PDB file of all heavy atoms in Angstrom:
ATOM      1  N   TYR A   1     -14.657 -11.627 -15.956  1.00  0.00           N
ATOM      2  CA  TYR A   1     -13.675 -12.006 -14.882  1.00  0.00           C
ATOM      3  C   TYR A   1     -13.524 -13.528 -14.708  1.00  0.00           C
ATOM      4  O   TYR A   1     -14.480 -14.182 -14.735  1.00  0.00           O
ATOM      5  CB  TYR A   1     -14.060 -11.377 -13.524  1.00  0.00           C
ATOM      6  CG  TYR A   1     -13.973  -9.799 -13.504  1.00  0.00           C
ATOM      7  CD1 TYR A   1     -14.973  -8.960 -14.041  1.00  0.00           C
ATOM      8  CD2 TYR A   1     -12.808  -9.195 -13.016  1.00  0.00           C
ATOM      9  CE1 TYR A   1     -14.922  -7.639 -14.049  1.00  0.00           C
ATOM     10  CE2 TYR A   1     -12.731  -7.859 -13.055  1.00  0.00           C
ATOM     11  CZ  TYR A   1     -13.658  -7.021 -13.557  1.00  0.00           C
ATOM     12  OH  TYR A   1     -13.588  -5.683 -13.598  1.00  0.00           O
ATOM     13  N   GLU A   2     -12.252 -13.885 -14.506  1.00  0.00           N
ATOM     14  CA  GLU A   2     -11.981 -15.367 -14.248  1.00  0.00           C
ATOM     15  C   GLU A   2     -11.308 -15.610 -12.901  1.00  0.00           C
ATOM     16  O   GLU A   2     -11.123 -16.801 -12.558  1.00  0.00           O
ATOM     17  CB  GLU A   2     -11.195 -15.926 -15.417  1.00  0.00           C
ATOM     18  CG  GLU A   2     -11.881 -16.077 -16.693  1.00  0.00           C
ATOM     19  CD  GLU A   2     -11.454 -17.289 -17.535  1.00  0.00           C
ATOM     20  OE1 GLU A   2     -10.464 -18.058 -17.103  1.00  0.00           O
ATOM     21  OE2 GLU A   2     -11.824 -17.527 -18.597  1.00  0.00           O
ATOM     22  N   SER A   3     -10.941 -14.563 -12.168  1.00  0.00           N
ATOM     23  CA  SER A   3     -10.274 -14.755 -10.956  1.00  0.00           C
ATOM     24  C   SER A   3     -11.084 -15.417  -9.849  1.00  0.00           C
ATOM     25  O   SER A   3     -12.334 -15.249  -9.907  1.00  0.00           O
ATOM     26  CB  SER A   3      -9.654 -13.400 -10.461  1.00  0.00           C
ATOM     27  OG  SER A   3      -8.848 -12.838 -11.535  1.00  0.00           O
ATOM     28  N   THR A   4     -10.415 -16.033  -8.895  1.00  0.00           N
ATOM     29  CA  THR A   4     -11.106 -16.528  -7.587  1.00  0.00           C
ATOM     30  C   THR A   4     -11.778 -15.292  -6.861  1.00  0.00           C
ATOM     31  O   THR A   4     -11.102 -14.313  -6.676  1.00  0.00           O
ATOM     32  CB  THR A   4     -10.211 -17.163  -6.710  1.00  0.00           C
ATOM     33  OG1 THR A   4      -9.733 -18.346  -7.345  1.00  0.00           O
ATOM     34  CG2 THR A   4     -10.758 -17.457  -5.416  1.00  0.00           C
ATOM     35  N   VAL A   5     -12.981 -15.402  -6.703  1.00  0.00           N
ATOM     36  CA  VAL A   5     -13.788 -14.269  -5.854  1.00  0.00           C
ATOM     37  C   VAL A   5     -14.878 -15.004  -5.009  1.00  0.00           C
ATOM     38  O   VAL A   5     -15.039 -16.288  -5.132  1.00  0.00           O
ATOM     39  CB  VAL A   5     -14.519 -13.401  -6.861  1.00  0.00           C
ATOM     40  CG1 VAL A   5     -13.485 -12.519  -7.761  1.00  0.00           C
ATOM     41  CG2 VAL A   5     -15.497 -14.106  -7.695  1.00  0.00           C
ATOM     42  N   TYR A   6     -15.306 -14.391  -4.095  1.00  0.00           N
ATOM     43  CA  TYR A   6     -16.531 -14.700  -3.377  1.00  0.00           C
ATOM     44  C   TYR A   6     -17.774 -14.247  -4.207  1.00  0.00           C
ATOM     45  O   TYR A   6     -17.696 -13.212  -4.833  1.00  0.00           O
ATOM     46  CB  TYR A   6     -16.506 -14.356  -1.866  1.00  0.00           C
ATOM     47  CG  TYR A   6     -16.324 -12.913  -1.530  1.00  0.00           C
ATOM     48  CD1 TYR A   6     -17.468 -12.001  -1.687  1.00  0.00           C
ATOM     49  CD2 TYR A   6     -15.163 -12.493  -1.056  1.00  0.00           C
ATOM     50  CE1 TYR A   6     -17.176 -10.649  -1.540  1.00  0.00           C
ATOM     51  CE2 TYR A   6     -14.946 -11.179  -0.827  1.00  0.00           C
ATOM     52  CZ  TYR A   6     -15.928 -10.232  -0.999  1.00  0.00           C
ATOM     53  OH  TYR A   6     -15.791  -8.994  -0.712  1.00  0.00           O
ATOM     54  N   PRO A   7     -18.966 -14.887  -4.003  1.00  0.00           N
ATOM     55  CA  PRO A   7     -20.114 -14.426  -4.751  1.00  0.00           C
ATOM     56  C   PRO A   7     -20.478 -13.009  -4.475  1.00  0.00           C
ATOM     57  O   PRO A   7     -20.617 -12.607  -3.368  1.00  0.00           O
ATOM     58  CB  PRO A   7     -21.236 -15.437  -4.205  1.00  0.00           C
ATOM     59  CG  PRO A   7     -20.490 -16.619  -3.776  1.00  0.00           C
ATOM     60  CD  PRO A   7     -19.195 -15.976  -3.147  1.00  0.00           C
ATOM     61  N   GLY A   8     -20.595 -12.266  -5.572  1.00  0.00           N
ATOM     62  CA  GLY A   8     -20.955 -10.798  -5.540  1.00  0.00           C
ATOM     63  C   GLY A   8     -19.770  -9.838  -5.770  1.00  0.00           C
ATOM     64  O   GLY A   8     -20.036  -8.648  -6.099  1.00  0.00           O
ATOM     65  N   VAL A   9     -18.530 -10.358  -5.909  1.00  0.00           N
ATOM     66  CA  VAL A   9     -17.378  -9.480  -6.073  1.00  0.00           C
ATOM     67  C   VAL A   9     -17.513  -8.763  -7.431  1.00  0.00           C
ATOM     68  O   VAL A   9     -17.162  -7.520  -7.462  1.00  0.00           O
ATOM     69  CB  VAL A   9     -16.085 -10.171  -5.892  1.00  0.00           C
ATOM     70  CG1 VAL A   9     -14.820  -9.399  -6.429  1.00  0.00           C
ATOM     71  CG2 VAL A   9     -15.796 -10.553  -4.495  1.00  0.00           C
ATOM     72  N   THR A  10     -17.742  -9.485  -8.466  1.00  0.00           N
ATOM     73  CA  THR A  10     -17.750  -8.922  -9.814  1.00  0.00           C
ATOM     74  C   THR A  10     -18.729  -7.710  -9.909  1.00  0.00           C
ATOM     75  O   THR A  10     -18.196  -6.526 -10.306  1.00  0.00           O
ATOM     76  CB  THR A  10     -18.190  -9.923 -10.890  1.00  0.00           C
ATOM     77  OG1 THR A  10     -17.268 -11.022 -10.823  1.00  0.00           O
ATOM     78  CG2 THR A  10     -18.251  -9.274 -12.251  1.00  0.00           C
ATOM     79  N   GLU A  11     -19.942  -7.809  -9.443  1.00  0.00           N
ATOM     80  CA  GLU A  11     -20.858  -6.785  -9.600  1.00  0.00           C
ATOM     81  C   GLU A  11     -20.703  -5.692  -8.467  1.00  0.00           C
ATOM     82  O   GLU A  11     -21.066  -4.513  -8.637  1.00  0.00           O
ATOM     83  CB  GLU A  11     -22.333  -7.269  -9.625  1.00  0.00           C
ATOM     84  CG  GLU A  11     -22.518  -8.095 -10.953  1.00  0.00           C
ATOM     85  CD  GLU A  11     -23.674  -9.118 -10.840  1.00  0.00           C
ATOM     86  OE1 GLU A  11     -23.616 -10.022  -9.930  1.00  0.00           O
ATOM     87  OE2 GLU A  11     -24.660  -8.925 -11.544  1.00  0.00           O
ATOM     88  N   GLU A  12     -20.305  -6.176  -7.157  1.00  0.00           N
ATOM     89  CA  GLU A  12     -20.338  -5.235  -6.078  1.00  0.00           C
ATOM     90  C   GLU A  12     -18.954  -4.550  -5.864  1.00  0.00           C
ATOM     91  O   GLU A  12     -18.879  -3.438  -5.378  1.00  0.00           O
ATOM     92  CB  GLU A  12     -20.617  -6.038  -4.820  1.00  0.00           C
ATOM     93  CG  GLU A  12     -22.060  -6.697  -4.829  1.00  0.00           C
ATOM     94  CD  GLU A  12     -22.206  -7.694  -3.685  1.00  0.00           C
ATOM     95  OE1 GLU A  12     -21.329  -7.747  -2.798  1.00  0.00           O
ATOM     96  OE2 GLU A  12     -23.239  -8.335  -3.716  1.00  0.00           O
ATOM     97  N   GLU A  13     -17.901  -5.135  -6.392  1.00  0.00           N
ATOM     98  CA  GLU A  13     -16.588  -4.602  -6.153  1.00  0.00           C
ATOM     99  C   GLU A  13     -15.862  -4.029  -7.420  1.00  0.00           C
ATOM    100  O   GLU A  13     -15.319  -2.976  -7.528  1.00  0.00           O
ATOM    101  CB  GLU A  13     -15.624  -5.622  -5.402  1.00  0.00           C
ATOM    102  CG  GLU A  13     -16.151  -6.044  -4.124  1.00  0.00           C
ATOM    103  CD  GLU A  13     -16.027  -5.048  -2.937  1.00  0.00           C
ATOM    104  OE1 GLU A  13     -15.308  -4.056  -3.147  1.00  0.00           O
ATOM    105  OE2 GLU A  13     -16.735  -5.084  -1.976  1.00  0.00           O
ATOM    106  N   CYS A  14     -15.982  -4.849  -8.511  1.00  0.00           N
ATOM    107  CA  CYS A  14     -15.282  -4.484  -9.779  1.00  0.00           C
ATOM    108  C   CYS A  14     -16.030  -3.552 -10.582  1.00  0.00           C
ATOM    109  O   CYS A  14     -15.441  -2.592 -11.100  1.00  0.00           O
ATOM    110  CB  CYS A  14     -15.053  -5.842 -10.544  1.00  0.00           C
ATOM    111  SG  CYS A  14     -13.993  -6.969  -9.709  1.00  0.00           S
ATOM    112  N   VAL A  15     -17.335  -3.768 -10.678  1.00  0.00           N
ATOM    113  CA  VAL A  15     -18.161  -2.867 -11.567  1.00  0.00           C
ATOM    114  C   VAL A  15     -18.086  -1.331 -11.127  1.00  0.00           C
ATOM    115  O   VAL A  15     -17.902  -0.533 -11.976  1.00  0.00           O
ATOM    116  CB  VAL A  15     -19.633  -3.322 -11.646  1.00  0.00           C
ATOM    117  CG1 VAL A  15     -20.524  -2.219 -12.123  1.00  0.00           C
ATOM    118  CG2 VAL A  15     -19.783  -4.556 -12.469  1.00  0.00           C
ATOM    119  N   PRO A  16     -18.172  -1.045  -9.818  1.00  0.00           N
ATOM    120  CA  PRO A  16     -18.060   0.399  -9.409  1.00  0.00           C
ATOM    121  C   PRO A  16     -16.701   1.033  -9.872  1.00  0.00           C
ATOM    122  O   PRO A  16     -16.606   2.177 -10.254  1.00  0.00           O
ATOM    123  CB  PRO A  16     -18.227   0.260  -7.836  1.00  0.00           C
ATOM    124  CG  PRO A  16     -18.965  -0.850  -7.656  1.00  0.00           C
ATOM    125  CD  PRO A  16     -18.575  -1.842  -8.621  1.00  0.00           C
ATOM    126  N   VAL A  17     -15.620   0.233  -9.897  1.00  0.00           N
ATOM    127  CA  VAL A  17     -14.217   0.767 -10.373  1.00  0.00           C
ATOM    128  C   VAL A  17     -14.381   0.969 -11.826  1.00  0.00           C
ATOM    129  O   VAL A  17     -13.961   2.052 -12.279  1.00  0.00           O
ATOM    130  CB  VAL A  17     -13.294  -0.343  -9.982  1.00  0.00           C
ATOM    131  CG1 VAL A  17     -11.855   0.202 -10.551  1.00  0.00           C
ATOM    132  CG2 VAL A  17     -13.149  -0.531  -8.428  1.00  0.00           C
ATOM    133  N   LEU A  18     -14.934  -0.055 -12.570  1.00  0.00           N
ATOM    134  CA  LEU A  18     -15.113   0.202 -13.948  1.00  0.00           C
ATOM    135  C   LEU A  18     -15.862   1.544 -14.324  1.00  0.00           C
ATOM    136  O   LEU A  18     -15.523   2.300 -15.195  1.00  0.00           O
ATOM    137  CB  LEU A  18     -15.695  -0.972 -14.585  1.00  0.00           C
ATOM    138  CG  LEU A  18     -14.988  -2.370 -14.585  1.00  0.00           C
ATOM    139  CD1 LEU A  18     -15.814  -3.408 -15.097  1.00  0.00           C
ATOM    140  CD2 LEU A  18     -13.665  -2.220 -15.445  1.00  0.00           C
ATOM    141  N   GLU A  19     -17.044   1.672 -13.583  1.00  0.00           N
ATOM    142  CA  GLU A  19     -17.843   2.847 -13.782  1.00  0.00           C
ATOM    143  C   GLU A  19     -17.111   4.152 -13.502  1.00  0.00           C
ATOM    144  O   GLU A  19     -17.165   5.081 -14.184  1.00  0.00           O
ATOM    145  CB  GLU A  19     -19.055   2.810 -13.024  1.00  0.00           C
ATOM    146  CG  GLU A  19     -20.186   1.777 -13.551  1.00  0.00           C
ATOM    147  CD  GLU A  19     -21.445   1.822 -12.708  1.00  0.00           C
ATOM    148  OE1 GLU A  19     -21.532   1.831 -11.399  1.00  0.00           O
ATOM    149  OE2 GLU A  19     -22.546   1.891 -13.382  1.00  0.00           O
ATOM    150  N   LYS A  20     -16.422   4.138 -12.317  1.00  0.00           N
ATOM    151  CA  LYS A  20     -15.741   5.346 -11.869  1.00  0.00           C
ATOM    152  C   LYS A  20     -14.567   5.790 -12.873  1.00  0.00           C
ATOM    153  O   LYS A  20     -14.544   6.973 -13.284  1.00  0.00           O
ATOM    154  CB  LYS A  20     -15.136   5.063 -10.470  1.00  0.00           C
ATOM    155  CG  LYS A  20     -14.382   6.338  -9.948  1.00  0.00           C
ATOM    156  CD  LYS A  20     -13.745   6.024  -8.619  1.00  0.00           C
ATOM    157  CE  LYS A  20     -12.984   7.220  -8.047  1.00  0.00           C
ATOM    158  NZ  LYS A  20     -12.341   6.865  -6.822  1.00  0.00           N
ATOM    159  N   ILE A  21     -13.880   4.774 -13.405  1.00  0.00           N
ATOM    160  CA  ILE A  21     -12.723   5.212 -14.146  1.00  0.00           C
ATOM    161  C   ILE A  21     -13.239   5.492 -15.643  1.00  0.00           C
ATOM    162  O   ILE A  21     -12.570   6.375 -16.211  1.00  0.00           O
ATOM    163  CB  ILE A  21     -11.615   3.928 -14.202  1.00  0.00           C
ATOM    164  CG1 ILE A  21     -11.160   3.652 -12.737  1.00  0.00           C
ATOM    165  CG2 ILE A  21     -10.575   4.222 -15.128  1.00  0.00           C
ATOM    166  CD1 ILE A  21     -10.442   4.817 -12.115  1.00  0.00           C
ATOM    167  N   SER A  22     -14.167   4.843 -16.074  1.00  0.00           N
ATOM    168  CA  SER A  22     -14.590   4.960 -17.498  1.00  0.00           C
ATOM    169  C   SER A  22     -15.623   6.120 -17.595  1.00  0.00           C
ATOM    170  O   SER A  22     -15.647   6.643 -18.760  1.00  0.00           O
ATOM    171  CB  SER A  22     -15.126   3.711 -18.142  1.00  0.00           C
ATOM    172  OG  SER A  22     -16.367   3.278 -17.416  1.00  0.00           O
ATOM    173  N   GLY A  23     -16.301   6.381 -16.641  1.00  0.00           N
ATOM    174  CA  GLY A  23     -17.398   7.243 -16.771  1.00  0.00           C
ATOM    175  C   GLY A  23     -18.634   6.745 -17.356  1.00  0.00           C
ATOM    176  O   GLY A  23     -19.592   7.440 -17.705  1.00  0.00           O
ATOM    177  N   LEU A  24     -18.591   5.470 -17.709  1.00  0.00           N
ATOM    178  CA  LEU A  24     -19.790   4.731 -18.404  1.00  0.00           C
ATOM    179  C   LEU A  24     -20.619   4.040 -17.354  1.00  0.00           C
ATOM    180  O   LEU A  24     -20.317   3.730 -16.223  1.00  0.00           O
ATOM    181  CB  LEU A  24     -19.192   3.635 -19.415  1.00  0.00           C
ATOM    182  CG  LEU A  24     -18.227   4.166 -20.438  1.00  0.00           C
ATOM    183  CD1 LEU A  24     -17.799   3.046 -21.288  1.00  0.00           C
ATOM    184  CD2 LEU A  24     -18.943   5.248 -21.325  1.00  0.00           C
ATOM    185  N   LYS A  25     -21.941   3.714 -17.804  1.00  0.00           N
ATOM    186  CA  LYS A  25     -22.899   3.201 -16.977  1.00  0.00           C
ATOM    187  C   LYS A  25     -23.008   1.622 -17.270  1.00  0.00           C
ATOM    188  O   LYS A  25     -23.194   1.213 -18.362  1.00  0.00           O
ATOM    189  CB  LYS A  25     -24.288   3.826 -17.233  1.00  0.00           C
ATOM    190  CG  LYS A  25     -25.430   3.363 -16.232  1.00  0.00           C
ATOM    191  CD  LYS A  25     -26.694   4.281 -16.478  1.00  0.00           C
ATOM    192  CE  LYS A  25     -27.765   3.742 -15.540  1.00  0.00           C
ATOM    193  NZ  LYS A  25     -27.374   3.796 -14.117  1.00  0.00           N
ATOM    194  N   PHE A  26     -22.975   0.879 -16.077  1.00  0.00           N
ATOM    195  CA  PHE A  26     -23.070  -0.537 -16.098  1.00  0.00           C
ATOM    196  C   PHE A  26     -24.511  -0.975 -16.686  1.00  0.00           C
ATOM    197  O   PHE A  26     -25.494  -0.467 -16.321  1.00  0.00           O
ATOM    198  CB  PHE A  26     -22.873  -1.118 -14.813  1.00  0.00           C
ATOM    199  CG  PHE A  26     -23.143  -2.578 -14.557  1.00  0.00           C
ATOM    200  CD1 PHE A  26     -22.487  -3.428 -15.382  1.00  0.00           C
ATOM    201  CD2 PHE A  26     -23.879  -2.987 -13.532  1.00  0.00           C
ATOM    202  CE1 PHE A  26     -22.685  -4.764 -15.294  1.00  0.00           C
ATOM    203  CE2 PHE A  26     -24.067  -4.498 -13.383  1.00  0.00           C
ATOM    204  CZ  PHE A  26     -23.493  -5.323 -14.230  1.00  0.00           C
ATOM    205  N   ASN A  27     -24.385  -2.035 -17.491  1.00  0.00           N
ATOM    206  CA  ASN A  27     -25.557  -2.630 -18.189  1.00  0.00           C
ATOM    207  C   ASN A  27     -26.330  -1.741 -19.073  1.00  0.00           C
ATOM    208  O   ASN A  27     -27.451  -2.016 -19.513  1.00  0.00           O
ATOM    209  CB  ASN A  27     -26.487  -3.257 -17.131  1.00  0.00           C
ATOM    210  CG  ASN A  27     -26.026  -4.729 -16.773  1.00  0.00           C
ATOM    211  OD1 ASN A  27     -25.289  -5.232 -17.459  1.00  0.00           O
ATOM    212  ND2 ASN A  27     -26.615  -5.273 -15.703  1.00  0.00           N
ATOM    213  N   SER A  28     -25.740  -0.623 -19.402  1.00  0.00           N
ATOM    214  CA  SER A  28     -26.315   0.302 -20.416  1.00  0.00           C
ATOM    215  C   SER A  28     -25.193   0.642 -21.464  1.00  0.00           C
ATOM    216  O   SER A  28     -25.444   0.433 -22.645  1.00  0.00           O
ATOM    217  CB  SER A  28     -26.810   1.596 -19.668  1.00  0.00           C
ATOM    218  OG  SER A  28     -27.314   2.536 -20.630  1.00  0.00           O
ATOM    219  N   ASP A  29     -24.080   1.051 -20.963  1.00  0.00           N
ATOM    220  CA  ASP A  29     -22.994   1.283 -21.820  1.00  0.00           C
ATOM    221  C   ASP A  29     -21.911   0.186 -21.947  1.00  0.00           C
ATOM    222  O   ASP A  29     -21.357   0.055 -23.020  1.00  0.00           O
ATOM    223  CB  ASP A  29     -22.203   2.606 -21.343  1.00  0.00           C
ATOM    224  CG  ASP A  29     -22.954   3.849 -21.322  1.00  0.00           C
ATOM    225  OD1 ASP A  29     -23.894   3.979 -22.115  1.00  0.00           O
ATOM    226  OD2 ASP A  29     -22.833   4.705 -20.374  1.00  0.00           O
ATOM    227  N   PHE A  30     -21.753  -0.563 -20.859  1.00  0.00           N
ATOM    228  CA  PHE A  30     -20.905  -1.689 -20.905  1.00  0.00           C
ATOM    229  C   PHE A  30     -21.520  -2.819 -20.077  1.00  0.00           C
ATOM    230  O   PHE A  30     -22.404  -2.629 -19.246  1.00  0.00           O
ATOM    231  CB  PHE A  30     -19.458  -1.457 -20.396  1.00  0.00           C
ATOM    232  CG  PHE A  30     -19.409  -1.204 -18.917  1.00  0.00           C
ATOM    233  CD1 PHE A  30     -19.116  -2.199 -18.008  1.00  0.00           C
ATOM    234  CD2 PHE A  30     -19.646   0.098 -18.333  1.00  0.00           C
ATOM    235  CE1 PHE A  30     -19.003  -2.006 -16.694  1.00  0.00           C
ATOM    236  CE2 PHE A  30     -19.636   0.250 -16.929  1.00  0.00           C
ATOM    237  CZ  PHE A  30     -19.337  -0.778 -16.074  1.00  0.00           C
ATOM    238  N   PHE A  31     -20.910  -4.088 -20.141  1.00  0.00           N
ATOM    239  CA  PHE A  31     -21.507  -5.248 -19.503  1.00  0.00           C
ATOM    240  C   PHE A  31     -20.345  -6.005 -18.938  1.00  0.00           C
ATOM    241  O   PHE A  31     -19.165  -5.934 -19.329  1.00  0.00           O
ATOM    242  CB  PHE A  31     -22.338  -5.982 -20.591  1.00  0.00           C
ATOM    243  CG  PHE A  31     -23.340  -5.212 -21.214  1.00  0.00           C
ATOM    244  CD1 PHE A  31     -23.085  -4.566 -22.435  1.00  0.00           C
ATOM    245  CD2 PHE A  31     -24.589  -5.130 -20.768  1.00  0.00           C
ATOM    246  CE1 PHE A  31     -24.011  -3.823 -23.149  1.00  0.00           C
ATOM    247  CE2 PHE A  31     -25.523  -4.440 -21.457  1.00  0.00           C
ATOM    248  CZ  PHE A  31     -25.304  -3.709 -22.642  1.00  0.00           C
ATOM    249  N   VAL A  32     -20.693  -6.972 -18.065  1.00  0.00           N
ATOM    250  CA  VAL A  32     -19.698  -7.881 -17.516  1.00  0.00           C
ATOM    251  C   VAL A  32     -20.201  -9.327 -17.555  1.00  0.00           C
ATOM    252  O   VAL A  32     -21.388  -9.560 -17.641  1.00  0.00           O
ATOM    253  CB  VAL A  32     -19.331  -7.488 -16.043  1.00  0.00           C
ATOM    254  CG1 VAL A  32     -18.791  -6.003 -15.933  1.00  0.00           C
ATOM    255  CG2 VAL A  32     -20.458  -7.722 -15.150  1.00  0.00           C
ATOM    256  N   GLY A  33     -19.241 -10.115 -17.329  1.00  0.00           N
ATOM    257  CA  GLY A  33     -19.586 -11.552 -17.303  1.00  0.00           C
ATOM    258  C   GLY A  33     -18.497 -12.238 -16.367  1.00  0.00           C
ATOM    259  O   GLY A  33     -17.516 -11.612 -15.791  1.00  0.00           O
ATOM    260  N   TYR A  34     -18.783 -13.450 -15.977  1.00  0.00           N
ATOM    261  CA  TYR A  34     -17.932 -14.210 -15.125  1.00  0.00           C
ATOM    262  C   TYR A  34     -17.772 -15.702 -15.566  1.00  0.00           C
ATOM    263  O   TYR A  34     -18.791 -16.265 -15.846  1.00  0.00           O
ATOM    264  CB  TYR A  34     -18.308 -14.127 -13.568  1.00  0.00           C
ATOM    265  CG  TYR A  34     -17.331 -14.867 -12.698  1.00  0.00           C
ATOM    266  CD1 TYR A  34     -16.143 -14.288 -12.249  1.00  0.00           C
ATOM    267  CD2 TYR A  34     -17.484 -16.184 -12.309  1.00  0.00           C
ATOM    268  CE1 TYR A  34     -15.226 -14.869 -11.394  1.00  0.00           C
ATOM    269  CE2 TYR A  34     -16.526 -16.851 -11.498  1.00  0.00           C
ATOM    270  CZ  TYR A  34     -15.444 -16.205 -11.046  1.00  0.00           C
ATOM    271  OH  TYR A  34     -14.549 -16.752 -10.241  1.00  0.00           O
ATOM    272  N   SER A  35     -16.553 -16.111 -15.612  1.00  0.00           N
ATOM    273  CA  SER A  35     -16.334 -17.503 -16.084  1.00  0.00           C
ATOM    274  C   SER A  35     -15.163 -18.113 -15.268  1.00  0.00           C
ATOM    275  O   SER A  35     -14.004 -17.814 -15.528  1.00  0.00           O
ATOM    276  CB  SER A  35     -16.148 -17.612 -17.507  1.00  0.00           C
ATOM    277  OG  SER A  35     -15.792 -18.972 -18.037  1.00  0.00           O
ATOM    278  N   PRO A  36     -15.534 -19.024 -14.402  1.00  0.00           N
ATOM    279  CA  PRO A  36     -14.493 -19.425 -13.400  1.00  0.00           C
ATOM    280  C   PRO A  36     -13.401 -20.299 -14.132  1.00  0.00           C
ATOM    281  O   PRO A  36     -13.840 -21.120 -14.912  1.00  0.00           O
ATOM    282  CB  PRO A  36     -15.196 -20.297 -12.438  1.00  0.00           C
ATOM    283  CG  PRO A  36     -16.493 -20.597 -13.096  1.00  0.00           C
ATOM    284  CD  PRO A  36     -16.814 -19.474 -14.002  1.00  0.00           C
ATOM    285  N   GLU A  37     -12.149 -19.938 -13.854  1.00  0.00           N
ATOM    286  CA  GLU A  37     -11.039 -20.814 -14.396  1.00  0.00           C
ATOM    287  C   GLU A  37     -11.060 -22.199 -13.784  1.00  0.00           C
ATOM    288  O   GLU A  37     -11.323 -22.252 -12.579  1.00  0.00           O
ATOM    289  CB  GLU A  37      -9.726 -20.100 -14.345  1.00  0.00           C
ATOM    290  CG  GLU A  37      -9.304 -19.705 -12.968  1.00  0.00           C
ATOM    291  CD  GLU A  37      -8.503 -20.782 -12.343  1.00  0.00           C
ATOM    292  OE1 GLU A  37      -8.226 -21.771 -12.928  1.00  0.00           O
ATOM    293  OE2 GLU A  37      -8.182 -20.652 -11.142  1.00  0.00           O
ATOM    294  N   ARG A  38     -10.742 -23.148 -14.574  1.00  0.00           N
ATOM    295  CA  ARG A  38     -10.685 -24.570 -14.034  1.00  0.00           C
ATOM    296  C   ARG A  38      -9.308 -25.318 -14.258  1.00  0.00           C
ATOM    297  O   ARG A  38      -9.284 -26.510 -14.228  1.00  0.00           O
ATOM    298  CB  ARG A  38     -11.923 -25.383 -14.412  1.00  0.00           C
ATOM    299  CG  ARG A  38     -13.170 -24.988 -13.964  1.00  0.00           C
ATOM    300  CD  ARG A  38     -14.383 -25.684 -14.503  1.00  0.00           C
ATOM    301  NE  ARG A  38     -15.548 -25.652 -13.772  1.00  0.00           N
ATOM    302  CZ  ARG A  38     -16.690 -26.093 -13.954  1.00  0.00           C
ATOM    303  NH1 ARG A  38     -16.895 -26.647 -15.190  1.00  0.00           N
ATOM    304  NH2 ARG A  38     -17.683 -26.153 -13.136  1.00  0.00           N
ATOM    305  N   ILE A  39      -8.372 -24.513 -14.826  1.00  0.00           N
ATOM    306  CA  ILE A  39      -7.129 -25.115 -15.253  1.00  0.00           C
ATOM    307  C   ILE A  39      -6.363 -25.652 -14.013  1.00  0.00           C
ATOM    308  O   ILE A  39      -6.400 -24.991 -12.969  1.00  0.00           O
ATOM    309  CB  ILE A  39      -6.254 -24.094 -15.899  1.00  0.00           C
ATOM    310  CG1 ILE A  39      -6.871 -23.496 -17.201  1.00  0.00           C
ATOM    311  CG2 ILE A  39      -4.850 -24.541 -16.148  1.00  0.00           C
ATOM    312  CD1 ILE A  39      -6.209 -22.391 -17.792  1.00  0.00           C
ATOM    313  N   ASN A  40      -5.946 -26.883 -14.162  1.00  0.00           N
ATOM    314  CA  ASN A  40      -5.050 -27.535 -13.171  1.00  0.00           C
ATOM    315  C   ASN A  40      -3.540 -27.302 -13.652  1.00  0.00           C
ATOM    316  O   ASN A  40      -3.108 -28.063 -14.487  1.00  0.00           O
ATOM    317  CB  ASN A  40      -5.517 -29.044 -13.005  1.00  0.00           C
ATOM    318  CG  ASN A  40      -4.871 -29.639 -11.879  1.00  0.00           C
ATOM    319  OD1 ASN A  40      -4.230 -29.013 -10.907  1.00  0.00           O
ATOM    320  ND2 ASN A  40      -4.836 -30.970 -11.830  1.00  0.00           N
ATOM    321  N   PRO A  41      -2.797 -26.547 -12.941  1.00  0.00           N
ATOM    322  CA  PRO A  41      -1.405 -26.302 -13.479  1.00  0.00           C
ATOM    323  C   PRO A  41      -0.609 -27.601 -13.502  1.00  0.00           C
ATOM    324  O   PRO A  41      -0.647 -28.456 -12.707  1.00  0.00           O
ATOM    325  CB  PRO A  41      -0.845 -25.371 -12.297  1.00  0.00           C
ATOM    326  CG  PRO A  41      -1.997 -24.597 -11.774  1.00  0.00           C
ATOM    327  CD  PRO A  41      -3.117 -25.629 -11.947  1.00  0.00           C
ATOM    328  N   GLY A  42       0.049 -27.803 -14.563  1.00  0.00           N
ATOM    329  CA  GLY A  42       0.897 -28.946 -14.876  1.00  0.00           C
ATOM    330  C   GLY A  42       0.272 -30.150 -15.480  1.00  0.00           C
ATOM    331  O   GLY A  42       0.915 -31.026 -15.836  1.00  0.00           O
TER     332      GLY A  42
END
């Protein structure tokens, strides 16, 4: 994920959605990362 979030969103909000839709288990079947975007438009 690169979007603006508050600390904890990736694992607390996004991962449950990924697990529910995919039927896979976090940190066993799939994994996540976060890399904040720093682009300055223009």
